[in-house]
Amino acid sequence: MPARSPRSARGPLSYRPEPGSIPTQPGVYRFRDAKGRVIYVGKAKNLRARLSSYFQDIGNLHQRTATMVTTAGSVEWTVVNTEVEALQLEYSWIKEYDPRFNVKYRDDKSYPWLAVTVGEEFPRVMVGRGAKRKGTRYFGPYSHAWAIRETVDILLRVFPMRSCSNGVFSAPPRSAAPASSATSTSARRRASAR
C-alpha cells in the first residue's frame, strides 16, 4: 500500500514526511509535482535512509537533485520484500511514467533482456541490452545478467538453438586437419601387421 506525504507548493520542507513515518524496508519511491505528475522514481534498500537524503540542506545536493526536490510537491513510497523487487518495480514505473528527472533506464540500456531471433531460419538465443531490433522476441528485462546467462546455458542443453553470431554461423565449416606424418606411419604399420 503506497504511503504519501502531504502535497504542498512551498518547497521540500513543506512535504517532508514526519520523522519515523518512513519505513526502513526496501522499496520504491515517487516524487510528484504540484499537479500530481510523477517527476522522479527511485529505489532503496532502506527507504528511510534514502528519502532522508533528499531533505537535507539544498546547498548540499547535486544541482539536478536540488531542482527535482524543489519542483516536487509530494513524495510517496511502496514497500517491497527484496531489493530485486524494488529494482523491477522501479524499472516498471520509469517506463510507465517517463519521469522527467530520471535518465537511467529510460532507454533500456541498463537492464539485460533474454532475446530470441524469430525472423531467421535457425533462431538464435542471446543476452542483450539496448535498443530492440525487428525480428527478435524479448523476455524481461531482468535485474541480473548472470541469471539470464545460466538460463541460456540450460536452454541450449535442452533445445537445439544456436547462440553464435550470424558471421560465425554462416562461415564455411573447416575441413578436418590432415593426419600428421607420425600418425600416418603408425597407422600403416598397424594395418600391415594384420
N, C-alpha and C. Protein backbone atom coordinates (compact mmCIF):
# COMPACT_ATOMS: atom_id res chain seq x y z
N MET A 1 0.85 -1.19 0.00
CA MET A 1 0.00 0.00 0.00
C MET A 1 0.88 1.24 0.00
N PRO A 2 0.77 2.13 -0.97
CA PRO A 2 1.62 3.31 -1.01
C PRO A 2 1.31 4.24 0.14
N ALA A 3 2.36 4.88 0.65
CA ALA A 3 2.19 5.93 1.66
C ALA A 3 2.57 7.23 1.01
N ARG A 4 1.95 8.32 1.40
CA ARG A 4 2.19 9.59 0.74
C ARG A 4 2.34 10.69 1.77
N SER A 5 3.24 11.62 1.48
CA SER A 5 3.34 12.80 2.33
C SER A 5 2.35 13.83 1.81
N PRO A 6 1.94 14.81 2.63
CA PRO A 6 1.00 15.82 2.16
C PRO A 6 1.58 16.66 1.04
N ARG A 7 0.74 17.11 0.13
CA ARG A 7 1.17 17.89 -1.02
C ARG A 7 1.20 19.38 -0.68
N SER A 8 2.20 20.06 -1.18
CA SER A 8 2.30 21.50 -0.95
C SER A 8 3.19 22.12 -2.01
N ALA A 9 3.11 23.42 -2.15
CA ALA A 9 3.93 24.11 -3.15
C ALA A 9 4.97 24.99 -2.49
N ARG A 10 5.31 24.76 -1.23
CA ARG A 10 6.23 25.64 -0.51
C ARG A 10 7.64 25.09 -0.42
N GLY A 11 8.00 24.10 -1.20
CA GLY A 11 9.35 23.55 -1.18
C GLY A 11 9.45 22.24 -0.42
N PRO A 12 10.64 21.61 -0.44
CA PRO A 12 10.79 20.27 0.10
C PRO A 12 10.43 20.14 1.58
N LEU A 13 10.72 21.14 2.39
CA LEU A 13 10.41 21.01 3.81
C LEU A 13 8.91 20.96 4.06
N SER A 14 8.13 21.51 3.16
CA SER A 14 6.67 21.51 3.33
C SER A 14 6.04 20.14 3.10
N TYR A 15 6.71 19.27 2.34
CA TYR A 15 6.15 17.94 2.13
C TYR A 15 7.04 16.83 2.72
N ARG A 16 8.01 17.24 3.50
CA ARG A 16 8.90 16.26 4.14
C ARG A 16 8.07 15.36 5.06
N PRO A 17 8.23 14.04 4.92
CA PRO A 17 7.48 13.12 5.79
C PRO A 17 7.87 13.29 7.26
N GLU A 18 6.94 12.97 8.14
CA GLU A 18 7.20 13.05 9.58
C GLU A 18 8.34 12.12 9.97
N PRO A 19 9.19 12.56 10.91
CA PRO A 19 10.29 11.68 11.35
C PRO A 19 9.73 10.33 11.84
N GLY A 20 10.34 9.26 11.41
CA GLY A 20 9.91 7.93 11.82
C GLY A 20 8.74 7.37 11.02
N SER A 21 8.15 8.16 10.14
CA SER A 21 7.00 7.66 9.37
C SER A 21 7.42 6.84 8.15
N ILE A 22 8.65 7.00 7.72
CA ILE A 22 9.14 6.26 6.56
C ILE A 22 9.69 4.92 7.03
N PRO A 23 9.27 3.82 6.44
CA PRO A 23 9.78 2.51 6.86
C PRO A 23 11.24 2.30 6.48
N THR A 24 11.86 1.35 7.14
CA THR A 24 13.28 1.06 6.88
C THR A 24 13.45 -0.12 5.93
N GLN A 25 12.37 -0.67 5.40
CA GLN A 25 12.45 -1.80 4.46
C GLN A 25 12.83 -1.32 3.06
N PRO A 26 13.12 -2.27 2.16
CA PRO A 26 13.36 -1.90 0.77
C PRO A 26 12.08 -1.40 0.13
N GLY A 27 12.22 -0.57 -0.87
CA GLY A 27 11.04 -0.07 -1.56
C GLY A 27 11.37 0.84 -2.71
N VAL A 28 10.30 1.40 -3.27
CA VAL A 28 10.41 2.32 -4.41
C VAL A 28 9.64 3.57 -4.05
N TYR A 29 10.18 4.73 -4.42
CA TYR A 29 9.52 5.99 -4.09
C TYR A 29 9.31 6.81 -5.36
N ARG A 30 8.30 7.68 -5.30
CA ARG A 30 7.98 8.57 -6.42
C ARG A 30 7.82 9.98 -5.91
N PHE A 31 8.49 10.90 -6.55
CA PHE A 31 8.26 12.33 -6.30
C PHE A 31 7.27 12.81 -7.34
N ARG A 32 6.27 13.57 -6.90
CA ARG A 32 5.28 14.15 -7.81
C ARG A 32 5.34 15.66 -7.74
N ASP A 33 4.99 16.33 -8.84
CA ASP A 33 4.94 17.79 -8.83
C ASP A 33 3.59 18.24 -8.27
N ALA A 34 3.36 19.54 -8.24
CA ALA A 34 2.13 20.10 -7.65
C ALA A 34 0.88 19.65 -8.41
N LYS A 35 1.04 19.24 -9.68
CA LYS A 35 -0.12 18.77 -10.46
C LYS A 35 -0.30 17.26 -10.36
N GLY A 36 0.53 16.60 -9.56
CA GLY A 36 0.40 15.16 -9.36
C GLY A 36 1.16 14.31 -10.35
N ARG A 37 1.90 14.92 -11.27
CA ARG A 37 2.68 14.16 -12.24
C ARG A 37 3.93 13.60 -11.58
N VAL A 38 4.24 12.34 -11.90
CA VAL A 38 5.46 11.72 -11.36
C VAL A 38 6.65 12.34 -12.08
N ILE A 39 7.58 12.90 -11.29
CA ILE A 39 8.76 13.55 -11.89
C ILE A 39 10.05 12.79 -11.61
N TYR A 40 10.00 11.86 -10.64
CA TYR A 40 11.19 11.06 -10.35
C TYR A 40 10.77 9.78 -9.65
N VAL A 41 11.43 8.67 -10.03
CA VAL A 41 11.22 7.37 -9.40
C VAL A 41 12.58 6.85 -8.96
N GLY A 42 12.64 6.32 -7.74
CA GLY A 42 13.89 5.76 -7.25
C GLY A 42 13.63 4.53 -6.40
N LYS A 43 14.67 3.74 -6.18
CA LYS A 43 14.57 2.54 -5.35
C LYS A 43 15.51 2.69 -4.17
N ALA A 44 15.25 1.92 -3.13
CA ALA A 44 16.10 2.00 -1.95
C ALA A 44 16.14 0.68 -1.21
N LYS A 45 17.30 0.35 -0.67
CA LYS A 45 17.44 -0.80 0.21
C LYS A 45 16.78 -0.48 1.55
N ASN A 46 16.90 0.79 1.94
CA ASN A 46 16.30 1.29 3.18
C ASN A 46 15.61 2.61 2.82
N LEU A 47 14.29 2.60 2.75
CA LEU A 47 13.55 3.79 2.31
C LEU A 47 13.82 5.00 3.19
N ARG A 48 13.85 4.80 4.51
CA ARG A 48 14.04 5.94 5.42
C ARG A 48 15.39 6.61 5.17
N ALA A 49 16.44 5.81 5.08
CA ALA A 49 17.78 6.38 4.86
C ALA A 49 17.85 7.10 3.52
N ARG A 50 17.29 6.49 2.48
CA ARG A 50 17.37 7.09 1.14
C ARG A 50 16.57 8.38 1.05
N LEU A 51 15.32 8.34 1.50
CA LEU A 51 14.48 9.53 1.37
C LEU A 51 14.96 10.68 2.25
N SER A 52 15.53 10.36 3.40
CA SER A 52 16.06 11.41 4.28
C SER A 52 17.15 12.22 3.59
N SER A 53 17.90 11.55 2.68
CA SER A 53 18.99 12.25 2.00
C SER A 53 18.49 13.37 1.09
N TYR A 54 17.22 13.31 0.66
CA TYR A 54 16.66 14.35 -0.20
C TYR A 54 16.25 15.61 0.58
N PHE A 55 16.10 15.48 1.88
CA PHE A 55 15.57 16.59 2.68
C PHE A 55 16.64 17.27 3.52
N GLN A 56 17.88 17.20 3.10
CA GLN A 56 18.95 17.92 3.75
C GLN A 56 19.03 19.33 3.16
N ASP A 57 20.00 20.09 3.58
CA ASP A 57 20.19 21.45 3.07
C ASP A 57 20.33 21.38 1.54
N ILE A 58 19.53 22.16 0.84
CA ILE A 58 19.52 22.16 -0.64
C ILE A 58 20.92 22.41 -1.20
N GLY A 59 21.71 23.23 -0.52
CA GLY A 59 23.06 23.54 -0.98
C GLY A 59 23.97 22.33 -1.03
N ASN A 60 23.64 21.28 -0.29
CA ASN A 60 24.47 20.08 -0.27
C ASN A 60 24.09 19.08 -1.36
N LEU A 61 22.99 19.33 -2.05
CA LEU A 61 22.51 18.41 -3.08
C LEU A 61 23.11 18.74 -4.44
N HIS A 62 23.22 17.73 -5.28
CA HIS A 62 23.62 17.94 -6.67
C HIS A 62 22.57 18.86 -7.31
N GLN A 63 22.98 19.68 -8.26
CA GLN A 63 22.07 20.66 -8.87
C GLN A 63 20.80 20.02 -9.42
N ARG A 64 20.93 18.91 -10.11
CA ARG A 64 19.76 18.24 -10.68
C ARG A 64 18.82 17.75 -9.59
N THR A 65 19.38 17.19 -8.51
CA THR A 65 18.57 16.71 -7.39
C THR A 65 17.88 17.86 -6.69
N ALA A 66 18.60 18.96 -6.50
CA ALA A 66 18.02 20.14 -5.85
C ALA A 66 16.86 20.68 -6.67
N THR A 67 17.00 20.71 -7.98
CA THR A 67 15.92 21.17 -8.85
C THR A 67 14.72 20.23 -8.75
N MET A 68 14.99 18.94 -8.69
CA MET A 68 13.91 17.95 -8.58
C MET A 68 13.13 18.12 -7.28
N VAL A 69 13.82 18.22 -6.15
CA VAL A 69 13.10 18.31 -4.87
C VAL A 69 12.36 19.63 -4.70
N THR A 70 12.86 20.69 -5.33
CA THR A 70 12.13 21.96 -5.26
C THR A 70 10.97 22.01 -6.24
N THR A 71 11.03 21.22 -7.30
CA THR A 71 9.93 21.12 -8.25
C THR A 71 8.81 20.24 -7.70
N ALA A 72 9.19 19.25 -6.88
CA ALA A 72 8.21 18.29 -6.35
C ALA A 72 7.28 18.95 -5.34
N GLY A 73 6.09 18.35 -5.23
CA GLY A 73 5.12 18.81 -4.23
C GLY A 73 4.76 17.72 -3.25
N SER A 74 5.19 16.48 -3.52
CA SER A 74 4.92 15.37 -2.62
C SER A 74 5.84 14.21 -2.93
N VAL A 75 5.93 13.30 -1.99
CA VAL A 75 6.68 12.06 -2.18
C VAL A 75 5.85 10.92 -1.60
N GLU A 76 5.90 9.79 -2.28
CA GLU A 76 5.18 8.60 -1.81
C GLU A 76 6.08 7.40 -1.99
N TRP A 77 5.78 6.33 -1.29
CA TRP A 77 6.62 5.15 -1.37
C TRP A 77 5.79 3.88 -1.27
N THR A 78 6.38 2.81 -1.77
CA THR A 78 5.78 1.48 -1.71
C THR A 78 6.84 0.53 -1.18
N VAL A 79 6.50 -0.20 -0.13
CA VAL A 79 7.42 -1.17 0.46
C VAL A 79 7.32 -2.48 -0.32
N VAL A 80 8.48 -3.11 -0.56
CA VAL A 80 8.54 -4.41 -1.23
C VAL A 80 9.34 -5.36 -0.35
N ASN A 81 9.40 -6.62 -0.76
CA ASN A 81 10.07 -7.63 0.06
C ASN A 81 11.58 -7.68 -0.10
N THR A 82 12.07 -7.43 -1.33
CA THR A 82 13.50 -7.57 -1.59
C THR A 82 14.01 -6.43 -2.47
N GLU A 83 15.33 -6.32 -2.51
CA GLU A 83 15.95 -5.32 -3.38
C GLU A 83 15.69 -5.62 -4.86
N VAL A 84 15.61 -6.90 -5.20
CA VAL A 84 15.34 -7.28 -6.59
C VAL A 84 13.94 -6.81 -6.99
N GLU A 85 12.96 -6.99 -6.10
CA GLU A 85 11.60 -6.49 -6.38
C GLU A 85 11.61 -4.98 -6.55
N ALA A 86 12.40 -4.29 -5.70
CA ALA A 86 12.49 -2.83 -5.81
C ALA A 86 13.05 -2.43 -7.16
N LEU A 87 14.08 -3.12 -7.61
CA LEU A 87 14.70 -2.83 -8.90
C LEU A 87 13.69 -3.01 -10.03
N GLN A 88 12.92 -4.10 -9.97
CA GLN A 88 11.96 -4.38 -11.03
C GLN A 88 10.80 -3.38 -11.02
N LEU A 89 10.32 -3.00 -9.82
CA LEU A 89 9.23 -2.04 -9.74
C LEU A 89 9.70 -0.66 -10.19
N GLU A 90 10.91 -0.29 -9.81
CA GLU A 90 11.47 0.99 -10.25
C GLU A 90 11.50 1.04 -11.78
N TYR A 91 11.99 -0.03 -12.39
CA TYR A 91 12.06 -0.09 -13.85
C TYR A 91 10.67 0.07 -14.46
N SER A 92 9.68 -0.67 -13.92
CA SER A 92 8.31 -0.61 -14.45
C SER A 92 7.75 0.80 -14.38
N TRP A 93 7.95 1.45 -13.24
CA TRP A 93 7.39 2.80 -13.08
C TRP A 93 8.09 3.82 -13.96
N ILE A 94 9.39 3.67 -14.15
CA ILE A 94 10.09 4.59 -15.04
C ILE A 94 9.55 4.45 -16.46
N LYS A 95 9.31 3.21 -16.88
CA LYS A 95 8.74 3.01 -18.22
C LYS A 95 7.30 3.53 -18.29
N GLU A 96 6.54 3.35 -17.22
CA GLU A 96 5.13 3.78 -17.21
C GLU A 96 4.98 5.29 -17.15
N TYR A 97 5.73 5.95 -16.27
CA TYR A 97 5.53 7.38 -16.04
C TYR A 97 6.46 8.28 -16.84
N ASP A 98 7.59 7.74 -17.32
CA ASP A 98 8.59 8.52 -18.05
C ASP A 98 8.92 9.82 -17.31
N PRO A 99 9.39 9.71 -16.06
CA PRO A 99 9.62 10.91 -15.25
C PRO A 99 10.74 11.78 -15.81
N ARG A 100 10.53 13.07 -15.78
CA ARG A 100 11.48 13.99 -16.42
C ARG A 100 12.85 14.02 -15.76
N PHE A 101 12.95 13.69 -14.47
CA PHE A 101 14.24 13.73 -13.80
C PHE A 101 14.97 12.39 -13.77
N ASN A 102 14.38 11.36 -14.33
CA ASN A 102 15.07 10.07 -14.44
C ASN A 102 15.76 10.01 -15.79
N VAL A 103 17.01 9.65 -15.77
CA VAL A 103 17.74 9.46 -17.01
C VAL A 103 18.03 7.98 -17.17
N LYS A 104 18.47 7.34 -16.09
CA LYS A 104 18.81 5.92 -16.09
C LYS A 104 17.58 5.07 -16.40
N TYR A 105 17.78 4.03 -17.19
CA TYR A 105 16.77 3.02 -17.53
C TYR A 105 15.72 3.49 -18.52
N ARG A 106 15.74 4.75 -18.95
CA ARG A 106 14.70 5.17 -19.89
C ARG A 106 14.91 4.56 -21.27
N ASP A 107 16.16 4.21 -21.58
CA ASP A 107 16.46 3.67 -22.90
C ASP A 107 16.76 2.16 -22.88
N ASP A 108 16.47 1.50 -21.76
CA ASP A 108 16.65 0.06 -21.61
C ASP A 108 18.12 -0.38 -21.63
N LYS A 109 19.08 0.53 -21.57
CA LYS A 109 20.47 0.13 -21.70
C LYS A 109 21.03 -0.47 -20.42
N SER A 110 20.38 -0.28 -19.31
CA SER A 110 20.95 -0.75 -18.06
C SER A 110 20.41 -2.10 -17.60
N TYR A 111 19.36 -2.56 -18.19
CA TYR A 111 18.79 -3.85 -17.81
C TYR A 111 18.95 -4.85 -18.94
N PRO A 112 19.39 -6.07 -18.63
CA PRO A 112 19.55 -7.07 -19.69
C PRO A 112 18.23 -7.75 -20.06
N TRP A 113 18.14 -8.18 -21.29
CA TRP A 113 17.00 -8.91 -21.83
C TRP A 113 17.46 -10.28 -22.29
N LEU A 114 16.55 -11.24 -22.28
CA LEU A 114 16.78 -12.51 -22.95
C LEU A 114 16.12 -12.34 -24.32
N ALA A 115 16.88 -12.52 -25.37
CA ALA A 115 16.37 -12.27 -26.73
C ALA A 115 16.49 -13.53 -27.58
N VAL A 116 15.46 -13.77 -28.39
CA VAL A 116 15.45 -14.89 -29.32
C VAL A 116 15.07 -14.36 -30.69
N THR A 117 15.92 -14.59 -31.68
CA THR A 117 15.60 -14.14 -33.04
C THR A 117 14.53 -15.06 -33.60
N VAL A 118 13.48 -14.48 -34.15
CA VAL A 118 12.39 -15.29 -34.70
C VAL A 118 12.27 -15.10 -36.21
N GLY A 119 13.03 -14.17 -36.76
CA GLY A 119 12.96 -13.92 -38.19
C GLY A 119 14.03 -14.65 -38.97
N GLU A 120 14.67 -15.66 -38.37
CA GLU A 120 15.74 -16.38 -39.04
C GLU A 120 15.38 -17.86 -39.13
N GLU A 121 15.94 -18.53 -40.11
CA GLU A 121 15.65 -19.96 -40.27
C GLU A 121 16.10 -20.76 -39.05
N PHE A 122 17.26 -20.40 -38.50
CA PHE A 122 17.78 -21.03 -37.30
C PHE A 122 17.82 -19.97 -36.19
N PRO A 123 16.83 -19.99 -35.28
CA PRO A 123 16.76 -18.96 -34.24
C PRO A 123 18.02 -18.92 -33.38
N ARG A 124 18.33 -17.72 -32.92
CA ARG A 124 19.49 -17.51 -32.07
C ARG A 124 19.02 -16.99 -30.72
N VAL A 125 19.57 -17.51 -29.64
CA VAL A 125 19.25 -17.03 -28.30
C VAL A 125 20.45 -16.24 -27.79
N MET A 126 20.18 -15.13 -27.13
CA MET A 126 21.28 -14.28 -26.66
C MET A 126 20.82 -13.40 -25.51
N VAL A 127 21.77 -12.85 -24.79
CA VAL A 127 21.52 -11.88 -23.74
C VAL A 127 21.92 -10.53 -24.30
N GLY A 128 21.05 -9.55 -24.16
CA GLY A 128 21.38 -8.25 -24.73
C GLY A 128 20.86 -7.09 -23.92
N ARG A 129 21.37 -5.93 -24.25
CA ARG A 129 20.93 -4.66 -23.66
C ARG A 129 20.76 -3.68 -24.79
N GLY A 130 20.08 -2.61 -24.53
CA GLY A 130 19.97 -1.58 -25.54
C GLY A 130 18.70 -1.66 -26.35
N ALA A 131 18.73 -1.02 -27.49
CA ALA A 131 17.54 -0.90 -28.33
C ALA A 131 17.10 -2.25 -28.86
N LYS A 132 15.80 -2.40 -29.01
CA LYS A 132 15.23 -3.64 -29.53
C LYS A 132 15.30 -3.63 -31.05
N ARG A 133 15.43 -4.84 -31.63
CA ARG A 133 15.50 -4.98 -33.08
C ARG A 133 14.31 -5.74 -33.61
N LYS A 134 13.94 -5.45 -34.86
CA LYS A 134 12.86 -6.19 -35.51
C LYS A 134 13.27 -7.64 -35.69
N GLY A 135 12.29 -8.53 -35.64
CA GLY A 135 12.57 -9.94 -35.86
C GLY A 135 13.14 -10.65 -34.65
N THR A 136 13.07 -10.00 -33.49
CA THR A 136 13.60 -10.59 -32.26
C THR A 136 12.53 -10.50 -31.17
N ARG A 137 12.35 -11.57 -30.43
CA ARG A 137 11.40 -11.57 -29.33
C ARG A 137 12.19 -11.40 -28.03
N TYR A 138 11.73 -10.47 -27.18
CA TYR A 138 12.44 -10.14 -25.95
C TYR A 138 11.67 -10.61 -24.72
N PHE A 139 12.42 -11.10 -23.75
CA PHE A 139 11.86 -11.53 -22.48
C PHE A 139 12.60 -10.77 -21.38
N GLY A 140 11.86 -10.21 -20.45
CA GLY A 140 12.49 -9.44 -19.38
C GLY A 140 11.94 -8.05 -19.38
N PRO A 141 12.66 -7.07 -18.90
CA PRO A 141 14.07 -7.11 -18.51
C PRO A 141 14.27 -7.81 -17.17
N TYR A 142 15.51 -8.18 -16.92
CA TYR A 142 15.88 -8.85 -15.68
C TYR A 142 16.92 -8.02 -14.94
N SER A 143 17.00 -8.26 -13.65
CA SER A 143 17.91 -7.45 -12.86
C SER A 143 19.33 -8.00 -12.80
N HIS A 144 19.52 -9.28 -13.12
CA HIS A 144 20.85 -9.87 -13.04
C HIS A 144 21.20 -10.60 -14.34
N ALA A 145 22.24 -10.12 -15.01
CA ALA A 145 22.66 -10.73 -16.27
C ALA A 145 23.14 -12.16 -16.05
N TRP A 146 23.78 -12.44 -14.92
CA TRP A 146 24.30 -13.79 -14.68
C TRP A 146 23.16 -14.81 -14.63
N ALA A 147 22.00 -14.42 -14.11
CA ALA A 147 20.86 -15.34 -14.03
C ALA A 147 20.35 -15.67 -15.44
N ILE A 148 20.35 -14.68 -16.33
CA ILE A 148 19.91 -14.93 -17.70
C ILE A 148 20.91 -15.84 -18.40
N ARG A 149 22.19 -15.62 -18.17
CA ARG A 149 23.21 -16.46 -18.82
C ARG A 149 23.08 -17.92 -18.38
N GLU A 150 22.78 -18.13 -17.09
CA GLU A 150 22.54 -19.50 -16.62
C GLU A 150 21.33 -20.10 -17.32
N THR A 151 20.28 -19.29 -17.49
CA THR A 151 19.06 -19.75 -18.19
C THR A 151 19.39 -20.12 -19.63
N VAL A 152 20.20 -19.30 -20.30
CA VAL A 152 20.59 -19.59 -21.68
C VAL A 152 21.37 -20.90 -21.74
N ASP A 153 22.28 -21.11 -20.80
CA ASP A 153 23.05 -22.37 -20.77
C ASP A 153 22.13 -23.58 -20.68
N ILE A 154 21.11 -23.49 -19.81
CA ILE A 154 20.15 -24.59 -19.66
C ILE A 154 19.33 -24.77 -20.94
N LEU A 155 18.87 -23.66 -21.53
CA LEU A 155 18.10 -23.73 -22.77
C LEU A 155 18.90 -24.44 -23.87
N LEU A 156 20.16 -24.10 -23.97
CA LEU A 156 21.00 -24.68 -25.03
C LEU A 156 21.24 -26.17 -24.82
N ARG A 157 21.20 -26.63 -23.57
CA ARG A 157 21.35 -28.06 -23.31
C ARG A 157 20.08 -28.84 -23.68
N VAL A 158 18.93 -28.18 -23.55
CA VAL A 158 17.64 -28.85 -23.77
C VAL A 158 17.13 -28.69 -25.20
N PHE A 159 17.27 -27.48 -25.75
CA PHE A 159 16.73 -27.20 -27.08
C PHE A 159 17.84 -26.96 -28.09
N PRO A 160 17.67 -27.47 -29.32
CA PRO A 160 18.69 -27.24 -30.35
C PRO A 160 18.61 -25.81 -30.89
N MET A 161 19.25 -24.90 -30.22
CA MET A 161 19.28 -23.50 -30.66
C MET A 161 20.72 -23.08 -30.82
N ARG A 162 20.92 -22.03 -31.53
CA ARG A 162 22.27 -21.51 -31.67
C ARG A 162 22.43 -20.26 -30.81
N SER A 163 23.66 -20.00 -30.39
CA SER A 163 23.94 -18.80 -29.63
C SER A 163 25.06 -17.98 -30.28
N CYS A 164 25.60 -18.48 -31.38
CA CYS A 164 26.69 -17.78 -32.06
C CYS A 164 26.14 -16.70 -33.00
N SER A 165 27.00 -15.78 -33.34
CA SER A 165 26.60 -14.69 -34.24
C SER A 165 26.37 -15.20 -35.65
N ASN A 166 25.73 -14.38 -36.49
CA ASN A 166 25.48 -14.77 -37.88
C ASN A 166 26.78 -15.03 -38.64
N GLY A 167 27.80 -14.23 -38.35
CA GLY A 167 29.08 -14.40 -39.04
C GLY A 167 29.71 -15.76 -38.75
N VAL A 168 29.68 -16.17 -37.50
CA VAL A 168 30.24 -17.47 -37.12
C VAL A 168 29.37 -18.59 -37.68
N PHE A 169 28.05 -18.41 -37.59
CA PHE A 169 27.12 -19.45 -38.03
C PHE A 169 27.19 -19.71 -39.53
N SER A 170 27.37 -18.64 -40.31
CA SER A 170 27.36 -18.80 -41.77
C SER A 170 28.75 -19.07 -42.36
N ALA A 171 29.78 -19.07 -41.52
CA ALA A 171 31.14 -19.36 -42.02
C ALA A 171 31.21 -20.80 -42.51
N PRO A 172 31.95 -21.05 -43.60
CA PRO A 172 32.06 -22.43 -44.10
C PRO A 172 32.75 -23.30 -43.05
N PRO A 173 32.34 -24.55 -42.94
CA PRO A 173 32.96 -25.43 -41.95
C PRO A 173 34.42 -25.69 -42.31
N ARG A 174 35.20 -25.82 -41.28
CA ARG A 174 36.62 -26.11 -41.52
C ARG A 174 36.76 -27.59 -41.85
N SER A 175 37.66 -27.88 -42.79
CA SER A 175 37.88 -29.30 -43.12
C SER A 175 38.75 -29.90 -42.02
N ALA A 176 38.67 -31.22 -41.93
CA ALA A 176 39.46 -31.90 -40.90
C ALA A 176 40.93 -31.72 -41.20
N ALA A 177 41.69 -31.54 -40.18
CA ALA A 177 43.13 -31.35 -40.36
C ALA A 177 43.75 -32.65 -40.86
N PRO A 178 44.71 -32.58 -41.79
CA PRO A 178 45.34 -33.81 -42.28
C PRO A 178 46.11 -34.48 -41.15
N ALA A 179 46.14 -35.79 -41.21
CA ALA A 179 46.85 -36.53 -40.16
C ALA A 179 48.33 -36.22 -40.26
N SER A 180 48.96 -36.15 -39.13
CA SER A 180 50.41 -35.87 -39.14
C SER A 180 51.14 -37.08 -39.72
N SER A 181 52.36 -36.88 -40.16
CA SER A 181 53.12 -37.97 -40.77
C SER A 181 53.38 -39.08 -39.75
N ALA A 182 53.55 -38.72 -38.49
CA ALA A 182 53.80 -39.73 -37.46
C ALA A 182 52.56 -40.61 -37.30
N THR A 183 51.37 -39.98 -37.31
CA THR A 183 50.13 -40.74 -37.16
C THR A 183 49.93 -41.64 -38.37
N SER A 184 50.21 -41.11 -39.59
CA SER A 184 50.04 -41.89 -40.81
C SER A 184 50.96 -43.10 -40.79
N THR A 185 52.21 -42.93 -40.39
CA THR A 185 53.18 -44.03 -40.36
C THR A 185 52.75 -45.11 -39.39
N SER A 186 52.31 -44.71 -38.16
CA SER A 186 51.91 -45.71 -37.17
C SER A 186 50.65 -46.43 -37.63
N ALA A 187 49.75 -45.73 -38.33
CA ALA A 187 48.53 -46.37 -38.83
C ALA A 187 48.87 -47.39 -39.90
N ARG A 188 49.86 -47.09 -40.77
CA ARG A 188 50.26 -48.03 -41.81
C ARG A 188 50.91 -49.27 -41.20
N ARG A 189 51.70 -49.08 -40.15
CA ARG A 189 52.36 -50.22 -39.51
C ARG A 189 51.32 -51.17 -38.90
N ARG A 190 50.29 -50.56 -38.24
CA ARG A 190 49.26 -51.40 -37.64
C ARG A 190 48.50 -52.19 -38.71
N ALA A 191 48.23 -51.49 -39.82
CA ALA A 191 47.49 -52.14 -40.91
C ALA A 191 48.30 -53.29 -41.51
N SER A 192 49.63 -53.10 -41.69
CA SER A 192 50.45 -54.14 -42.31
C SER A 192 50.71 -55.30 -41.36
N ALA A 193 50.59 -55.06 -40.05
CA ALA A 193 50.81 -56.11 -39.05
C ALA A 193 49.64 -57.09 -39.04
N ARG A 194 48.51 -56.72 -39.60
CA ARG A 194 47.33 -57.59 -39.53
C ARG A 194 47.41 -58.67 -40.50
